[in-house]
Amino acid sequence: MAEPASRAGVLAVFFVVAYLGMGLPSVLFGITLRHFAVQTAMIAFAAVLSCGAVVSVAVALRDRAPAPGALSA
């Protein structure tokens, strides 16, 4: 869907976001381990992931919700 002149830039942004999504949690977890015990860091990591999952489900359901005043079939 991108213009031919901007496809390389769009692909580059996609890869940057993908690599940050894969690498940043590991780096942050390693930094967290320097300051907290493993169990505490794991609980915090699980809590952050759980909150992210709840937010994604809420956003997905909000986008599928009918408009106010619309009748459902």
N, C-alpha and C. Protein backbone atom coordinates (compact mmCIF):
# COMPACT_ATOMS: atom_id res chain seq x y z
N MET A 1 0.82 -1.19 0.00
CA MET A 1 0.00 0.00 0.00
C MET A 1 0.87 1.26 0.00
N ALA A 2 2.14 1.11 0.31
CA ALA A 2 3.02 2.27 0.33
C ALA A 2 3.41 2.64 -1.10
N GLU A 3 3.72 3.88 -1.29
CA GLU A 3 4.21 4.35 -2.58
C GLU A 3 5.53 3.66 -2.90
N PRO A 4 5.81 3.40 -4.18
CA PRO A 4 7.06 2.71 -4.53
C PRO A 4 8.31 3.43 -4.01
N ALA A 5 8.27 4.74 -3.95
CA ALA A 5 9.45 5.49 -3.49
C ALA A 5 9.67 5.36 -1.99
N SER A 6 8.64 5.01 -1.23
CA SER A 6 8.79 4.95 0.23
C SER A 6 8.76 3.53 0.78
N ARG A 7 8.74 2.53 -0.07
CA ARG A 7 8.66 1.15 0.41
C ARG A 7 9.88 0.75 1.23
N ALA A 8 11.05 1.19 0.84
CA ALA A 8 12.25 0.85 1.59
C ALA A 8 12.20 1.44 2.99
N GLY A 9 11.72 2.66 3.11
CA GLY A 9 11.60 3.29 4.42
C GLY A 9 10.58 2.58 5.30
N VAL A 10 9.47 2.17 4.71
CA VAL A 10 8.44 1.46 5.48
C VAL A 10 8.99 0.12 5.97
N LEU A 11 9.71 -0.58 5.10
CA LEU A 11 10.30 -1.86 5.48
C LEU A 11 11.35 -1.67 6.58
N ALA A 12 12.14 -0.60 6.49
CA ALA A 12 13.14 -0.33 7.52
C ALA A 12 12.48 -0.06 8.86
N VAL A 13 11.40 0.70 8.87
CA VAL A 13 10.69 0.98 10.12
C VAL A 13 10.12 -0.31 10.69
N PHE A 14 9.58 -1.17 9.83
CA PHE A 14 9.05 -2.45 10.27
C PHE A 14 10.13 -3.27 10.97
N PHE A 15 11.32 -3.34 10.37
CA PHE A 15 12.40 -4.13 10.98
C PHE A 15 12.90 -3.51 12.27
N VAL A 16 12.97 -2.20 12.34
CA VAL A 16 13.40 -1.54 13.59
C VAL A 16 12.42 -1.85 14.71
N VAL A 17 11.13 -1.75 14.42
CA VAL A 17 10.12 -2.04 15.44
C VAL A 17 10.18 -3.51 15.84
N ALA A 18 10.37 -4.40 14.87
CA ALA A 18 10.45 -5.83 15.17
C ALA A 18 11.66 -6.15 16.04
N TYR A 19 12.82 -5.60 15.69
CA TYR A 19 14.02 -5.87 16.50
C TYR A 19 13.91 -5.27 17.89
N LEU A 20 13.32 -4.10 18.01
CA LEU A 20 13.11 -3.51 19.34
C LEU A 20 12.15 -4.37 20.15
N GLY A 21 11.11 -4.86 19.51
CA GLY A 21 10.15 -5.71 20.21
C GLY A 21 10.75 -7.01 20.69
N MET A 22 11.73 -7.53 19.97
CA MET A 22 12.37 -8.79 20.38
C MET A 22 13.52 -8.55 21.35
N GLY A 23 14.25 -7.47 21.17
CA GLY A 23 15.46 -7.26 21.96
C GLY A 23 15.29 -6.43 23.22
N LEU A 24 14.44 -5.44 23.17
CA LEU A 24 14.29 -4.53 24.30
C LEU A 24 13.81 -5.22 25.57
N PRO A 25 12.84 -6.13 25.52
CA PRO A 25 12.45 -6.81 26.76
C PRO A 25 13.59 -7.59 27.41
N SER A 26 14.43 -8.22 26.61
CA SER A 26 15.56 -8.97 27.17
C SER A 26 16.56 -8.04 27.84
N VAL A 27 16.84 -6.94 27.19
CA VAL A 27 17.79 -5.97 27.76
C VAL A 27 17.24 -5.37 29.05
N LEU A 28 15.97 -4.98 29.03
CA LEU A 28 15.35 -4.42 30.24
C LEU A 28 15.29 -5.43 31.37
N PHE A 29 15.03 -6.70 31.02
CA PHE A 29 15.01 -7.74 32.05
C PHE A 29 16.40 -7.93 32.65
N GLY A 30 17.42 -7.89 31.83
CA GLY A 30 18.80 -7.99 32.33
C GLY A 30 19.16 -6.84 33.26
N ILE A 31 18.74 -5.64 32.90
CA ILE A 31 19.00 -4.47 33.75
C ILE A 31 18.24 -4.60 35.06
N THR A 32 17.00 -5.09 34.98
CA THR A 32 16.19 -5.28 36.18
C THR A 32 16.82 -6.28 37.13
N LEU A 33 17.45 -7.31 36.58
CA LEU A 33 18.08 -8.33 37.42
C LEU A 33 19.25 -7.78 38.23
N ARG A 34 19.83 -6.68 37.77
CA ARG A 34 20.93 -6.07 38.53
C ARG A 34 20.44 -5.42 39.82
N HIS A 35 19.15 -5.04 39.83
CA HIS A 35 18.62 -4.29 40.96
C HIS A 35 17.65 -5.07 41.84
N PHE A 36 17.09 -6.15 41.29
CA PHE A 36 16.09 -6.93 42.03
C PHE A 36 16.41 -8.41 41.95
N ALA A 37 15.79 -9.18 42.84
CA ALA A 37 15.95 -10.63 42.82
C ALA A 37 15.23 -11.19 41.60
N VAL A 38 15.60 -12.41 41.22
CA VAL A 38 15.03 -13.03 40.03
C VAL A 38 13.51 -13.18 40.16
N GLN A 39 13.05 -13.62 41.32
CA GLN A 39 11.61 -13.82 41.50
C GLN A 39 10.85 -12.50 41.35
N THR A 40 11.36 -11.44 41.94
CA THR A 40 10.71 -10.13 41.84
C THR A 40 10.69 -9.64 40.40
N ALA A 41 11.81 -9.82 39.70
CA ALA A 41 11.88 -9.39 38.31
C ALA A 41 10.91 -10.19 37.44
N MET A 42 10.80 -11.49 37.68
CA MET A 42 9.89 -12.32 36.90
C MET A 42 8.43 -11.92 37.15
N ILE A 43 8.09 -11.63 38.40
CA ILE A 43 6.72 -11.20 38.72
C ILE A 43 6.42 -9.87 38.03
N ALA A 44 7.35 -8.95 38.08
CA ALA A 44 7.15 -7.65 37.43
C ALA A 44 7.04 -7.82 35.91
N PHE A 45 7.88 -8.67 35.33
CA PHE A 45 7.85 -8.92 33.89
C PHE A 45 6.50 -9.53 33.49
N ALA A 46 6.02 -10.49 34.27
CA ALA A 46 4.72 -11.11 33.99
C ALA A 46 3.59 -10.10 34.14
N ALA A 47 3.69 -9.22 35.13
CA ALA A 47 2.65 -8.20 35.32
C ALA A 47 2.61 -7.23 34.15
N VAL A 48 3.77 -6.82 33.68
CA VAL A 48 3.82 -5.90 32.53
C VAL A 48 3.25 -6.58 31.28
N LEU A 49 3.62 -7.84 31.05
CA LEU A 49 3.08 -8.56 29.89
C LEU A 49 1.58 -8.74 30.01
N SER A 50 1.10 -9.02 31.21
CA SER A 50 -0.35 -9.19 31.41
C SER A 50 -1.09 -7.89 31.15
N CYS A 51 -0.56 -6.80 31.63
CA CYS A 51 -1.19 -5.50 31.38
C CYS A 51 -1.21 -5.18 29.89
N GLY A 52 -0.13 -5.49 29.21
CA GLY A 52 -0.08 -5.29 27.76
C GLY A 52 -1.12 -6.12 27.04
N ALA A 53 -1.31 -7.36 27.48
CA ALA A 53 -2.31 -8.23 26.87
C ALA A 53 -3.72 -7.69 27.11
N VAL A 54 -3.98 -7.23 28.32
CA VAL A 54 -5.32 -6.68 28.63
C VAL A 54 -5.58 -5.42 27.80
N VAL A 55 -4.59 -4.57 27.67
CA VAL A 55 -4.76 -3.36 26.87
C VAL A 55 -5.01 -3.72 25.41
N SER A 56 -4.26 -4.70 24.86
CA SER A 56 -4.48 -5.09 23.46
C SER A 56 -5.87 -5.66 23.23
N VAL A 57 -6.36 -6.46 24.17
CA VAL A 57 -7.71 -7.01 24.02
C VAL A 57 -8.74 -5.88 24.11
N ALA A 58 -8.54 -4.95 25.02
CA ALA A 58 -9.48 -3.84 25.16
C ALA A 58 -9.51 -2.99 23.88
N VAL A 59 -8.35 -2.74 23.29
CA VAL A 59 -8.31 -1.96 22.05
C VAL A 59 -8.97 -2.73 20.92
N ALA A 60 -8.71 -4.03 20.84
CA ALA A 60 -9.31 -4.84 19.78
C ALA A 60 -10.83 -4.89 19.92
N LEU A 61 -11.32 -5.03 21.14
CA LEU A 61 -12.77 -5.07 21.35
C LEU A 61 -13.41 -3.70 21.13
N ARG A 62 -12.70 -2.66 21.47
CA ARG A 62 -13.23 -1.31 21.26
C ARG A 62 -13.41 -1.03 19.78
N ASP A 63 -12.46 -1.50 18.95
CA ASP A 63 -12.55 -1.28 17.51
C ASP A 63 -13.70 -2.08 16.89
N ARG A 64 -14.09 -3.19 17.52
CA ARG A 64 -15.17 -4.02 16.99
C ARG A 64 -16.53 -3.63 17.54
N ALA A 65 -16.57 -2.79 18.55
CA ALA A 65 -17.84 -2.42 19.19
C ALA A 65 -18.69 -1.60 18.22
N PRO A 66 -20.00 -1.84 18.21
CA PRO A 66 -20.88 -1.03 17.34
C PRO A 66 -20.95 0.41 17.84
N ALA A 67 -21.26 1.28 16.93
CA ALA A 67 -21.38 2.68 17.27
C ALA A 67 -22.57 2.89 18.21
N PRO A 68 -22.51 3.91 19.06
CA PRO A 68 -23.63 4.18 19.97
C PRO A 68 -24.92 4.43 19.16
N GLY A 69 -25.99 3.79 19.57
CA GLY A 69 -27.26 3.96 18.90
C GLY A 69 -27.47 3.00 17.74
N ALA A 70 -26.45 2.20 17.38
CA ALA A 70 -26.61 1.25 16.29
C ALA A 70 -27.32 0.01 16.79
N LEU A 71 -28.17 -0.54 15.97
CA LEU A 71 -28.89 -1.76 16.34
C LEU A 71 -28.07 -2.97 15.95
N SER A 72 -28.03 -3.95 16.84
CA SER A 72 -27.32 -5.18 16.50
C SER A 72 -28.27 -6.14 15.81
N ALA A 73 -27.71 -6.95 14.92
CA ALA A 73 -28.56 -7.88 14.13
C ALA A 73 -28.84 -9.15 14.88
